[in-house]
PDB file of N, CA and C in Angstrom:
ATOM      1  N   MET A   1      88.149 113.542  80.624  1.00  0.00           N
ATOM      2  CA  MET A   1      86.755 113.166  80.457  1.00  0.00           C
ATOM      3  C   MET A   1      85.906 114.157  81.253  1.00  0.00           C
ATOM      4  N   LYS A   2      84.898 114.652  80.644  1.00  0.00           N
ATOM      5  CA  LYS A   2      84.106 115.761  81.175  1.00  0.00           C
ATOM      6  C   LYS A   2      83.399 115.473  82.493  1.00  0.00           C
ATOM      7  N   ASP A   3      82.793 114.317  82.656  1.00  0.00           N
ATOM      8  CA  ASP A   3      81.998 114.030  83.847  1.00  0.00           C
ATOM      9  C   ASP A   3      82.726 113.183  84.895  1.00  0.00           C
ATOM     10  N   CYS A   4      83.995 112.960  84.731  1.00  0.00           N
ATOM     11  CA  CYS A   4      84.759 112.102  85.636  1.00  0.00           C
ATOM     12  C   CYS A   4      85.194 112.890  86.876  1.00  0.00           C
ATOM     13  N   ILE A   5      84.816 112.408  88.053  1.00  0.00           N
ATOM     14  CA  ILE A   5      85.165 113.100  89.295  1.00  0.00           C
ATOM     15  C   ILE A   5      86.671 113.176  89.497  1.00  0.00           C
ATOM     16  N   PHE A   6      87.410 112.128  89.137  1.00  0.00           N
ATOM     17  CA  PHE A   6      88.863 112.173  89.297  1.00  0.00           C
ATOM     18  C   PHE A   6      89.497 113.158  88.323  1.00  0.00           C
ATOM     19  N   CYS A   7      88.982 113.255  87.119  1.00  0.00           N
ATOM     20  CA  CYS A   7      89.495 114.253  86.173  1.00  0.00           C
ATOM     21  C   CYS A   7      89.247 115.660  86.717  1.00  0.00           C
ATOM     22  N   LYS A   8      88.100 115.869  87.349  1.00  0.00           N
ATOM     23  CA  LYS A   8      87.794 117.174  87.945  1.00  0.00           C
ATOM     24  C   LYS A   8      88.702 117.463  89.138  1.00  0.00           C
ATOM     25  N   ILE A   9      89.002 116.444  89.932  1.00  0.00           N
ATOM     26  CA  ILE A   9      89.928 116.626  91.054  1.00  0.00           C
ATOM     27  C   ILE A   9      91.316 116.995  90.525  1.00  0.00           C
ATOM     28  N   ILE A  10      91.792 116.279  89.527  1.00  0.00           N
ATOM     29  CA  ILE A  10      93.105 116.551  88.940  1.00  0.00           C
ATOM     30  C   ILE A  10      93.163 117.961  88.367  1.00  0.00           C
ATOM     31  N   ALA A  11      92.061 118.420  87.770  1.00  0.00           N
ATOM     32  CA  ALA A  11      92.004 119.758  87.176  1.00  0.00           C
ATOM     33  C   ALA A  11      91.843 120.856  88.229  1.00  0.00           C
ATOM     34  N   GLY A  12      91.632 120.467  89.487  1.00  0.00           N
ATOM     35  CA  GLY A  12      91.459 121.458  90.545  1.00  0.00           C
ATOM     36  C   GLY A  12      90.048 121.983  90.681  1.00  0.00           C
ATOM     37  N   GLU A  13      89.094 121.363  89.976  1.00  0.00           N
ATOM     38  CA  GLU A  13      87.697 121.801  90.035  1.00  0.00           C
ATOM     39  C   GLU A  13      86.985 121.302  91.291  1.00  0.00           C
ATOM     40  N   ILE A  14      87.494 120.228  91.874  1.00  0.00           N
ATOM     41  CA  ILE A  14      86.951 119.662  93.107  1.00  0.00           C
ATOM     42  C   ILE A  14      88.115 119.528  94.078  1.00  0.00           C
ATOM     43  N   PRO A  15      87.963 120.072  95.303  1.00  0.00           N
ATOM     44  CA  PRO A  15      89.068 119.969  96.268  1.00  0.00           C
ATOM     45  C   PRO A  15      89.175 118.569  96.849  1.00  0.00           C
ATOM     46  N   VAL A  16      90.364 118.251  97.350  1.00  0.00           N
ATOM     47  CA  VAL A  16      90.606 116.976  98.016  1.00  0.00           C
ATOM     48  C   VAL A  16      90.861 117.233  99.499  1.00  0.00           C
ATOM     49  N   LYS A  17      90.692 116.183 100.288  1.00  0.00           N
ATOM     50  CA  LYS A  17      90.950 116.277 101.731  1.00  0.00           C
ATOM     51  C   LYS A  17      92.401 116.702 101.958  1.00  0.00           C
ATOM     52  N   THR A  18      93.344 115.899 101.484  1.00  0.00           N
ATOM     53  CA  THR A  18      94.767 116.203 101.600  1.00  0.00           C
ATOM     54  C   THR A  18      95.498 115.634 100.394  1.00  0.00           C
ATOM     55  N   LYS A  19      96.148 116.515  99.641  1.00  0.00           N
ATOM     56  CA  LYS A  19      96.988 116.042  98.537  1.00  0.00           C
ATOM     57  C   LYS A  19      98.261 115.477  99.145  1.00  0.00           C
ATOM     58  N   VAL A  20      98.650 114.291  98.696  1.00  0.00           N
ATOM     59  CA  VAL A  20      99.828 113.608  99.221  1.00  0.00           C
ATOM     60  C   VAL A  20     101.000 113.697  98.248  1.00  0.00           C
ATOM     61  N   PHE A  21     100.705 113.641  96.950  1.00  0.00           N
ATOM     62  CA  PHE A  21     101.754 113.600  95.935  1.00  0.00           C
ATOM     63  C   PHE A  21     101.160 114.055  94.612  1.00  0.00           C
ATOM     64  N   GLU A  22     101.952 114.790  93.846  1.00  0.00           N
ATOM     65  CA  GLU A  22     101.544 115.159  92.499  1.00  0.00           C
ATOM     66  C   GLU A  22     102.777 115.415  91.663  1.00  0.00           C
ATOM     67  N   ASP A  23     102.736 114.918  90.450  1.00  0.00           N
ATOM     68  CA  ASP A  23     103.738 115.260  89.448  1.00  0.00           C
ATOM     69  C   ASP A  23     103.036 115.302  88.103  1.00  0.00           C
ATOM     70  N   ASP A  24     103.774 115.211  87.022  1.00  0.00           N
ATOM     71  CA  ASP A  24     103.155 115.329  85.702  1.00  0.00           C
ATOM     72  C   ASP A  24     102.362 114.088  85.288  1.00  0.00           C
ATOM     73  N   LYS A  25     102.513 112.970  86.021  1.00  0.00           N
ATOM     74  CA  LYS A  25     101.841 111.728  85.624  1.00  0.00           C
ATOM     75  C   LYS A  25     100.737 111.281  86.571  1.00  0.00           C
ATOM     76  N   VAL A  26     100.887 111.524  87.872  1.00  0.00           N
ATOM     77  CA  VAL A  26      99.910 111.031  88.844  1.00  0.00           C
ATOM     78  C   VAL A  26      99.542 112.089  89.874  1.00  0.00           C
ATOM     79  N   PHE A  27      98.395 111.866  90.484  1.00  0.00           N
ATOM     80  CA  PHE A  27      97.890 112.719  91.565  1.00  0.00           C
ATOM     81  C   PHE A  27      97.457 111.761  92.665  1.00  0.00           C
ATOM     82  N   ALA A  28      97.926 111.989  93.887  1.00  0.00           N
ATOM     83  CA  ALA A  28      97.585 111.098  95.002  1.00  0.00           C
ATOM     84  C   ALA A  28      97.030 111.928  96.150  1.00  0.00           C
ATOM     85  N   PHE A  29      95.967 111.406  96.762  1.00  0.00           N
ATOM     86  CA  PHE A  29      95.300 112.142  97.833  1.00  0.00           C
ATOM     87  C   PHE A  29      94.642 111.173  98.801  1.00  0.00           C
ATOM     88  N   GLU A  30      94.362 111.668 100.013  1.00  0.00           N
ATOM     89  CA  GLU A  30      93.717 110.838 101.026  1.00  0.00           C
ATOM     90  C   GLU A  30      92.279 110.532 100.631  1.00  0.00           C
ATOM     91  N   ASP A  31      91.874 109.288 100.845  1.00  0.00           N
ATOM     92  CA  ASP A  31      90.505 108.860 100.581  1.00  0.00           C
ATOM     93  C   ASP A  31      89.570 109.492 101.611  1.00  0.00           C
ATOM     94  N   ILE A  32      88.401 109.941 101.178  1.00  0.00           N
ATOM     95  CA  ILE A  32      87.450 110.566 102.117  1.00  0.00           C
ATOM     96  C   ILE A  32      86.708 109.534 102.961  1.00  0.00           C
ATOM     97  N   ASN A  33      86.820 108.263 102.586  1.00  0.00           N
ATOM     98  CA  ASN A  33      86.192 107.186 103.343  1.00  0.00           C
ATOM     99  C   ASN A  33      87.249 106.117 103.619  1.00  0.00           C
ATOM    100  N   PRO A  34      88.217 106.428 104.488  1.00  0.00           N
ATOM    101  CA  PRO A  34      89.365 105.522 104.668  1.00  0.00           C
ATOM    102  C   PRO A  34      88.988 104.165 105.245  1.00  0.00           C
ATOM    103  N   GLN A  35      89.637 103.136 104.708  1.00  0.00           N
ATOM    104  CA  GLN A  35      89.433 101.759 105.153  1.00  0.00           C
ATOM    105  C   GLN A  35      90.616 101.241 105.959  1.00  0.00           C
ATOM    106  N   ALA A  36      91.573 102.131 106.238  1.00  0.00           N
ATOM    107  CA  ALA A  36      92.765 101.813 107.032  1.00  0.00           C
ATOM    108  C   ALA A  36      93.304 103.140 107.555  1.00  0.00           C
ATOM    109  N   PRO A  37      94.183 103.091 108.553  1.00  0.00           N
ATOM    110  CA  PRO A  37      94.756 104.344 109.052  1.00  0.00           C
ATOM    111  C   PRO A  37      95.413 105.191 107.956  1.00  0.00           C
ATOM    112  N   VAL A  38      96.033 104.541 106.993  1.00  0.00           N
ATOM    113  CA  VAL A  38      96.547 105.230 105.803  1.00  0.00           C
ATOM    114  C   VAL A  38      95.756 104.685 104.619  1.00  0.00           C
ATOM    115  N   HIS A  39      95.075 105.566 103.900  1.00  0.00           N
ATOM    116  CA  HIS A  39      94.313 105.169 102.711  1.00  0.00           C
ATOM    117  C   HIS A  39      94.452 106.297 101.694  1.00  0.00           C
ATOM    118  N   ILE A  40      95.325 106.067 100.726  1.00  0.00           N
ATOM    119  CA  ILE A  40      95.648 107.049  99.693  1.00  0.00           C
ATOM    120  C   ILE A  40      95.152 106.534  98.347  1.00  0.00           C
ATOM    121  N   LEU A  41      94.525 107.409  97.568  1.00  0.00           N
ATOM    122  CA  LEU A  41      94.159 107.081  96.192  1.00  0.00           C
ATOM    123  C   LEU A  41      95.241 107.622  95.270  1.00  0.00           C
ATOM    124  N   ILE A  42      95.723 106.770  94.391  1.00  0.00           N
ATOM    125  CA  ILE A  42      96.738 107.153  93.420  1.00  0.00           C
ATOM    126  C   ILE A  42      96.091 107.083  92.046  1.00  0.00           C
ATOM    127  N   VAL A  43      96.003 108.234  91.387  1.00  0.00           N
ATOM    128  CA  VAL A  43      95.237 108.362  90.153  1.00  0.00           C
ATOM    129  C   VAL A  43      96.145 108.892  89.042  1.00  0.00           C
ATOM    130  N   PRO A  44      96.215 108.185  87.916  1.00  0.00           N
ATOM    131  CA  PRO A  44      96.983 108.749  86.803  1.00  0.00           C
ATOM    132  C   PRO A  44      96.251 109.959  86.231  1.00  0.00           C
ATOM    133  N   LYS A  45      97.006 110.923  85.758  1.00  0.00           N
ATOM    134  CA  LYS A  45      96.382 112.108  85.173  1.00  0.00           C
ATOM    135  C   LYS A  45      95.745 111.790  83.819  1.00  0.00           C
ATOM    136  N   LYS A  46      96.228 110.762  83.178  1.00  0.00           N
ATOM    137  CA  LYS A  46      95.611 110.312  81.917  1.00  0.00           C
ATOM    138  C   LYS A  46      94.376 109.498  82.253  1.00  0.00           C
ATOM    139  N   HIS A  47      93.259 109.818  81.636  1.00  0.00           N
ATOM    140  CA  HIS A  47      92.023 109.081  81.903  1.00  0.00           C
ATOM    141  C   HIS A  47      92.042 107.735  81.184  1.00  0.00           C
ATOM    142  N   ILE A  48      91.961 106.692  81.969  1.00  0.00           N
ATOM    143  CA  ILE A  48      91.770 105.323  81.486  1.00  0.00           C
ATOM    144  C   ILE A  48      90.652 104.777  82.358  1.00  0.00           C
ATOM    145  N   SER A  49      89.599 104.263  81.776  1.00  0.00           N
ATOM    146  CA  SER A  49      88.418 103.857  82.545  1.00  0.00           C
ATOM    147  C   SER A  49      88.711 102.784  83.582  1.00  0.00           C
ATOM    148  N   CYS A  50      89.383 101.729  83.175  1.00  0.00           N
ATOM    149  CA  CYS A  50      89.747 100.663  84.104  1.00  0.00           C
ATOM    150  C   CYS A  50      90.901  99.874  83.495  1.00  0.00           C
ATOM    151  N   LEU A  51      91.436  98.967  84.261  1.00  0.00           N
ATOM    152  CA  LEU A  51      92.602  98.219  83.796  1.00  0.00           C
ATOM    153  C   LEU A  51      92.313  97.475  82.490  1.00  0.00           C
ATOM    154  N   ASN A  52      91.091  97.026  82.295  1.00  0.00           N
ATOM    155  CA  ASN A  52      90.730  96.336  81.050  1.00  0.00           C
ATOM    156  C   ASN A  52      90.833  97.244  79.825  1.00  0.00           C
ATOM    157  N   GLU A  53      90.826  98.544  80.034  1.00  0.00           N
ATOM    158  CA  GLU A  53      90.915  99.498  78.925  1.00  0.00           C
ATOM    159  C   GLU A  53      92.359  99.903  78.638  1.00  0.00           C
ATOM    160  N   ALA A  54      93.290  99.500  79.487  1.00  0.00           N
ATOM    161  CA  ALA A  54      94.700  99.847  79.286  1.00  0.00           C
ATOM    162  C   ALA A  54      95.273  99.063  78.109  1.00  0.00           C
ATOM    163  N   SER A  55      96.296  99.638  77.505  1.00  0.00           N
ATOM    164  CA  SER A  55      96.932  98.987  76.357  1.00  0.00           C
ATOM    165  C   SER A  55      98.448  99.078  76.519  1.00  0.00           C
ATOM    166  N   ASN A  56      99.158  98.550  75.539  1.00  0.00           N
ATOM    167  CA  ASN A  56     100.616  98.596  75.579  1.00  0.00           C
ATOM    168  C   ASN A  56     101.149 100.017  75.706  1.00  0.00           C
ATOM    169  N   GLU A  57     100.421 100.993  75.188  1.00  0.00           N
ATOM    170  CA  GLU A  57     100.882 102.383  75.303  1.00  0.00           C
ATOM    171  C   GLU A  57     100.833 102.880  76.748  1.00  0.00           C
ATOM    172  N   ASN A  58     100.168 102.153  77.631  1.00  0.00           N
ATOM    173  CA  ASN A  58     100.062 102.536  79.038  1.00  0.00           C
ATOM    174  C   ASN A  58     101.046 101.799  79.943  1.00  0.00           C
ATOM    175  N   LEU A  59     101.905 100.951  79.364  1.00  0.00           N
ATOM    176  CA  LEU A  59     102.842 100.152  80.170  1.00  0.00           C
ATOM    177  C   LEU A  59     103.713 101.019  81.080  1.00  0.00           C
ATOM    178  N   GLU A  60     104.304 102.047  80.532  1.00  0.00           N
ATOM    179  CA  GLU A  60     105.187 102.906  81.323  1.00  0.00           C
ATOM    180  C   GLU A  60     104.413 103.578  82.463  1.00  0.00           C
ATOM    181  N   LEU A  61     103.243 104.095  82.156  1.00  0.00           N
ATOM    182  CA  LEU A  61     102.426 104.768  83.167  1.00  0.00           C
ATOM    183  C   LEU A  61     102.019 103.811  84.285  1.00  0.00           C
ATOM    184  N   LEU A  62     101.608 102.609  83.941  1.00  0.00           N
ATOM    185  CA  LEU A  62     101.187 101.640  84.961  1.00  0.00           C
ATOM    186  C   LEU A  62     102.354 101.241  85.854  1.00  0.00           C
ATOM    187  N   GLY A  63     103.526 101.076  85.272  1.00  0.00           N
ATOM    188  CA  GLY A  63     104.713 100.796  86.077  1.00  0.00           C
ATOM    189  C   GLY A  63     105.086 101.982  86.949  1.00  0.00           C
ATOM    190  N   TYR A  64     104.932 103.171  86.409  1.00  0.00           N
ATOM    191  CA  TYR A  64     105.235 104.391  87.157  1.00  0.00           C
ATOM    192  C   TYR A  64     104.349 104.507  88.395  1.00  0.00           C
ATOM    193  N   ILE A  65     103.084 104.134  88.264  1.00  0.00           N
ATOM    194  CA  ILE A  65     102.162 104.176  89.402  1.00  0.00           C
ATOM    195  C   ILE A  65     102.662 103.269  90.526  1.00  0.00           C
ATOM    196  N   GLN A  66     103.179 102.108  90.173  1.00  0.00           N
ATOM    197  CA  GLN A  66     103.721 101.193  91.179  1.00  0.00           C
ATOM    198  C   GLN A  66     104.873 101.841  91.943  1.00  0.00           C
ATOM    199  N   LEU A  67     105.758 102.500  91.228  1.00  0.00           N
ATOM    200  CA  LEU A  67     106.896 103.156  91.872  1.00  0.00           C
ATOM    201  C   LEU A  67     106.447 104.353  92.710  1.00  0.00           C
ATOM    202  N   ALA A  68     105.462 105.091  92.227  1.00  0.00           N
ATOM    203  CA  ALA A  68     104.919 106.206  93.006  1.00  0.00           C
ATOM    204  C   ALA A  68     104.304 105.684  94.298  1.00  0.00           C
ATOM    205  N   ALA A  69     103.598 104.555  94.229  1.00  0.00           N
ATOM    206  CA  ALA A  69     103.003 103.947  95.426  1.00  0.00           C
ATOM    207  C   ALA A  69     104.079 103.593  96.433  1.00  0.00           C
ATOM    208  N   SER A  70     105.179 103.047  95.958  1.00  0.00           N
ATOM    209  CA  SER A  70     106.287 102.693  96.839  1.00  0.00           C
ATOM    210  C   SER A  70     106.864 103.928  97.526  1.00  0.00           C
ATOM    211  N   GLN A  71     107.041 104.999  96.775  1.00  0.00           N
ATOM    212  CA  GLN A  71     107.554 106.254  97.343  1.00  0.00           C
ATOM    213  C   GLN A  71     106.600 106.811  98.400  1.00  0.00           C
ATOM    214  N   ILE A  72     105.317 106.798  98.090  1.00  0.00           N
ATOM    215  CA  ILE A  72     104.316 107.321  99.028  1.00  0.00           C
ATOM    216  C   ILE A  72     104.282 106.466 100.288  1.00  0.00           C
ATOM    217  N   ALA A  73     104.377 105.150 100.128  1.00  0.00           N
ATOM    218  CA  ALA A  73     104.389 104.247 101.285  1.00  0.00           C
ATOM    219  C   ALA A  73     105.572 104.562 102.195  1.00  0.00           C
ATOM    220  N   LYS A  74     106.739 104.801 101.617  1.00  0.00           N
ATOM    221  CA  LYS A  74     107.914 105.167 102.410  1.00  0.00           C
ATOM    222  C   LYS A  74     107.679 106.488 103.131  1.00  0.00           C
ATOM    223  N   GLN A  75     107.133 107.452 102.400  1.00  0.00           N
ATOM    224  CA  GLN A  75     106.838 108.772 102.966  1.00  0.00           C
ATOM    225  C   GLN A  75     105.873 108.662 104.145  1.00  0.00           C
ATOM    226  N   LYS A  76     104.946 107.728 104.082  1.00  0.00           N
ATOM    227  CA  LYS A  76     103.937 107.551 105.127  1.00  0.00           C
ATOM    228  C   LYS A  76     104.392 106.604 106.235  1.00  0.00           C
ATOM    229  N   GLY A  77     105.626 106.102 106.137  1.00  0.00           N
ATOM    230  CA  GLY A  77     106.163 105.250 107.192  1.00  0.00           C
ATOM    231  C   GLY A  77     105.600 103.847 107.219  1.00  0.00           C
ATOM    232  N   LEU A  78     105.301 103.308 106.069  1.00  0.00           N
ATOM    233  CA  LEU A  78     104.688 101.974 105.989  1.00  0.00           C
ATOM    234  C   LEU A  78     105.728 100.882 105.745  1.00  0.00           C
ATOM    235  N   GLU A  79     106.854 100.961 106.459  1.00  0.00           N
ATOM    236  CA  GLU A  79     107.921  99.985 106.279  1.00  0.00           C
ATOM    237  C   GLU A  79     107.475  98.565 106.601  1.00  0.00           C
ATOM    238  N   GLY A  80     106.520  98.408 107.497  1.00  0.00           N
ATOM    239  CA  GLY A  80     106.039  97.084 107.885  1.00  0.00           C
ATOM    240  C   GLY A  80     105.190  96.406 106.824  1.00  0.00           C
ATOM    241  N   GLY A  81     104.730  97.152 105.870  1.00  0.00           N
ATOM    242  CA  GLY A  81     103.929  96.592 104.789  1.00  0.00           C
ATOM    243  C   GLY A  81     102.726  97.451 104.463  1.00  0.00           C
ATOM    244  N   TYR A  82     102.192  97.220 103.300  1.00  0.00           N
ATOM    245  CA  TYR A  82     101.008  97.940 102.833  1.00  0.00           C
ATOM    246  C   TYR A  82     100.349  97.113 101.742  1.00  0.00           C
ATOM    247  N   ARG A  83      99.170  97.504 101.383  1.00  0.00           N
ATOM    248  CA  ARG A  83      98.428  96.827 100.320  1.00  0.00           C
ATOM    249  C   ARG A  83      98.131  97.847  99.228  1.00  0.00           C
ATOM    250  N   LEU A  84      98.330  97.449  97.968  1.00  0.00           N
ATOM    251  CA  LEU A  84      98.011  98.281  96.818  1.00  0.00           C
ATOM    252  C   LEU A  84      96.917  97.562  96.043  1.00  0.00           C
ATOM    253  N   VAL A  85      95.762  98.198  95.910  1.00  0.00           N
ATOM    254  CA  VAL A  85      94.576  97.547  95.357  1.00  0.00           C
ATOM    255  C   VAL A  85      94.049  98.322  94.153  1.00  0.00           C
ATOM    256  N   ASN A  86      93.691  97.590  93.121  1.00  0.00           N
ATOM    257  CA  ASN A  86      92.984  98.151  91.975  1.00  0.00           C
ATOM    258  C   ASN A  86      91.711  97.348  91.788  1.00  0.00           C
ATOM    259  N   ASN A  87      90.574  98.020  91.828  1.00  0.00           N
ATOM    260  CA  ASN A  87      89.291  97.375  91.552  1.00  0.00           C
ATOM    261  C   ASN A  87      88.961  97.626  90.086  1.00  0.00           C
ATOM    262  N   CYS A  88      88.726  96.567  89.339  1.00  0.00           N
ATOM    263  CA  CYS A  88      88.441  96.695  87.909  1.00  0.00           C
ATOM    264  C   CYS A  88      87.035  96.190  87.627  1.00  0.00           C
ATOM    265  N   GLY A  89      86.127  97.108  87.373  1.00  0.00           N
ATOM    266  CA  GLY A  89      84.752  96.760  87.049  1.00  0.00           C
ATOM    267  C   GLY A  89      83.830  96.810  88.261  1.00  0.00           C
ATOM    268  N   ALA A  90      82.558  96.964  87.977  1.00  0.00           N
ATOM    269  CA  ALA A  90      81.541  97.101  89.028  1.00  0.00           C
ATOM    270  C   ALA A  90      81.503  95.886  89.952  1.00  0.00           C
ATOM    271  N   ASP A  91      81.661  94.682  89.409  1.00  0.00           N
ATOM    272  CA  ASP A  91      81.616  93.482  90.255  1.00  0.00           C
ATOM    273  C   ASP A  91      82.766  93.438  91.260  1.00  0.00           C
ATOM    274  N   ALA A  92      83.853  94.128  90.971  1.00  0.00           N
ATOM    275  CA  ALA A  92      84.997  94.174  91.885  1.00  0.00           C
ATOM    276  C   ALA A  92      84.911  95.354  92.847  1.00  0.00           C
ATOM    277  N   GLY A  93      83.876  96.182  92.704  1.00  0.00           N
ATOM    278  CA  GLY A  93      83.699  97.320  93.598  1.00  0.00           C
ATOM    279  C   GLY A  93      84.171  98.649  93.038  1.00  0.00           C
ATOM    280  N   GLN A  94      84.536  98.690  91.763  1.00  0.00           N
ATOM    281  CA  GLN A  94      84.946  99.970  91.182  1.00  0.00           C
ATOM    282  C   GLN A  94      83.731 100.873  91.065  1.00  0.00           C
ATOM    283  N   THR A  95      83.815 102.062  91.648  1.00  0.00           N
ATOM    284  CA  THR A  95      82.697 103.008  91.599  1.00  0.00           C
ATOM    285  C   THR A  95      83.029 104.254  90.792  1.00  0.00           C
ATOM    286  N   VAL A  96      84.311 104.570  90.658  1.00  0.00           N
ATOM    287  CA  VAL A  96      84.735 105.678  89.806  1.00  0.00           C
ATOM    288  C   VAL A  96      85.496 105.059  88.642  1.00  0.00           C
ATOM    289  N   PHE A  97      84.998 105.269  87.445  1.00  0.00           N
ATOM    290  CA  PHE A  97      85.572 104.608  86.278  1.00  0.00           C
ATOM    291  C   PHE A  97      86.661 105.473  85.638  1.00  0.00           C
ATOM    292  N   HIS A  98      87.691 105.666  86.439  1.00  0.00           N
ATOM    293  CA  HIS A  98      88.984 106.252  86.065  1.00  0.00           C
ATOM    294  C   HIS A  98      89.964 105.409  86.864  1.00  0.00           C
ATOM    295  N   ILE A  99      90.818 104.683  86.180  1.00  0.00           N
ATOM    296  CA  ILE A  99      91.708 103.752  86.866  1.00  0.00           C
ATOM    297  C   ILE A  99      92.387 104.443  88.051  1.00  0.00           C
ATOM    298  N   HIS A 100      92.453 103.748  89.170  1.00  0.00           N
ATOM    299  CA  HIS A 100      93.099 104.284  90.365  1.00  0.00           C
ATOM    300  C   HIS A 100      93.472 103.126  91.278  1.00  0.00           C
ATOM    301  N   TYR A 101      94.395 103.427  92.164  1.00  0.00           N
ATOM    302  CA  TYR A 101      94.897 102.418  93.087  1.00  0.00           C
ATOM    303  C   TYR A 101      94.712 102.923  94.508  1.00  0.00           C
ATOM    304  N   HIS A 102      94.328 102.015  95.395  1.00  0.00           N
ATOM    305  CA  HIS A 102      94.188 102.306  96.813  1.00  0.00           C
ATOM    306  C   HIS A 102      95.458 101.823  97.508  1.00  0.00           C
ATOM    307  N   LEU A 103      96.169 102.734  98.138  1.00  0.00           N
ATOM    308  CA  LEU A 103      97.325 102.395  98.957  1.00  0.00           C
ATOM    309  C   LEU A 103      96.831 102.375 100.401  1.00  0.00           C
ATOM    310  N   LEU A 104      96.835 101.178 100.988  1.00  0.00           N
ATOM    311  CA  LEU A 104      96.300 100.978 102.344  1.00  0.00           C
ATOM    312  C   LEU A 104      97.410 100.506 103.260  1.00  0.00           C
ATOM    313  N   GLY A 105      97.466 101.071 104.454  1.00  0.00           N
ATOM    314  CA  GLY A 105      98.478 100.647 105.407  1.00  0.00           C
ATOM    315  C   GLY A 105      98.178 101.162 106.796  1.00  0.00           C
ATOM    316  N   GLY A 106      99.117 100.876 107.699  1.00  0.00           N
ATOM    317  CA  GLY A 106      98.970 101.334 109.070  1.00  0.00           C
ATOM    318  C   GLY A 106      98.256 100.359 109.978  1.00  0.00           C
ATOM    319  N   ARG A 107      97.948  99.175 109.447  1.00  0.00           N
ATOM    320  CA  ARG A 107      97.353  98.109 110.251  1.00  0.00           C
ATOM    321  C   ARG A 107      97.677  96.779 109.595  1.00  0.00           C
ATOM    322  N   VAL A 108      97.440  95.699 110.320  1.00  0.00           N
ATOM    323  CA  VAL A 108      97.649  94.359 109.774  1.00  0.00           C
ATOM    324  C   VAL A 108      96.415  93.979 108.956  1.00  0.00           C
ATOM    325  N   PHE A 109      96.625  93.413 107.780  1.00  0.00           N
ATOM    326  CA  PHE A 109      95.535  93.003 106.901  1.00  0.00           C
ATOM    327  C   PHE A 109      95.375  91.484 106.928  1.00  0.00           C
ATOM    328  N   ALA A 110      94.152  91.043 106.783  1.00  0.00           N
ATOM    329  CA  ALA A 110      93.859  89.611 106.714  1.00  0.00           C
ATOM    330  C   ALA A 110      93.875  89.166 105.250  1.00  0.00           C
ATOM    331  N   TRP A 111      93.992  87.868 105.078  1.00  0.00           N
ATOM    332  CA  TRP A 111      93.902  87.266 103.732  1.00  0.00           C
ATOM    333  C   TRP A 111      93.028  86.046 103.805  1.00  0.00           C
ATOM    334  N   PRO A 112      92.110  85.832 102.918  1.00  0.00           N
ATOM    335  CA  PRO A 112      91.829  86.666 101.765  1.00  0.00           C
ATOM    336  C   PRO A 112      91.054  87.921 102.143  1.00  0.00           C
ATOM    337  N   PRO A 113      91.154  88.954 101.298  1.00  0.00           N
ATOM    338  CA  PRO A 113      90.397  90.174 101.555  1.00  0.00           C
ATOM    339  C   PRO A 113      88.906  89.919 101.370  1.00  0.00           C
ATOM    340  N   GLY A 114      88.098  90.827 101.913  1.00  0.00           N
ATOM    341  CA  GLY A 114      86.640  90.720 101.879  1.00  0.00           C
ATOM    342  C   GLY A 114      86.113  90.596 100.524  1.00  0.00           C
TER     343      GLY A 114
END
């Protein structure tokens, strides 16, 4: 998508703070406004606006993101636990309309979240 900031980051048109992981399906990098000691954004290379726009053809990719998150969490030493968050829609706080997941860790989290 032409005007999508995450698509531009994936294409290398916009630099990231620190790339954490990349393969043919996902790109993961440190959030520029971290909400925890570890705050990684995991973004599929395929543009999907939000989870509501996903379809059965995206099942494998969505599952793959979960496994990538687990690998990144291990790499970052988050054995004690972490939170994986997807905001879907403006009311949930989604500000970039390219599906992505926030991997948060390195501190104890409260429930329910804010």
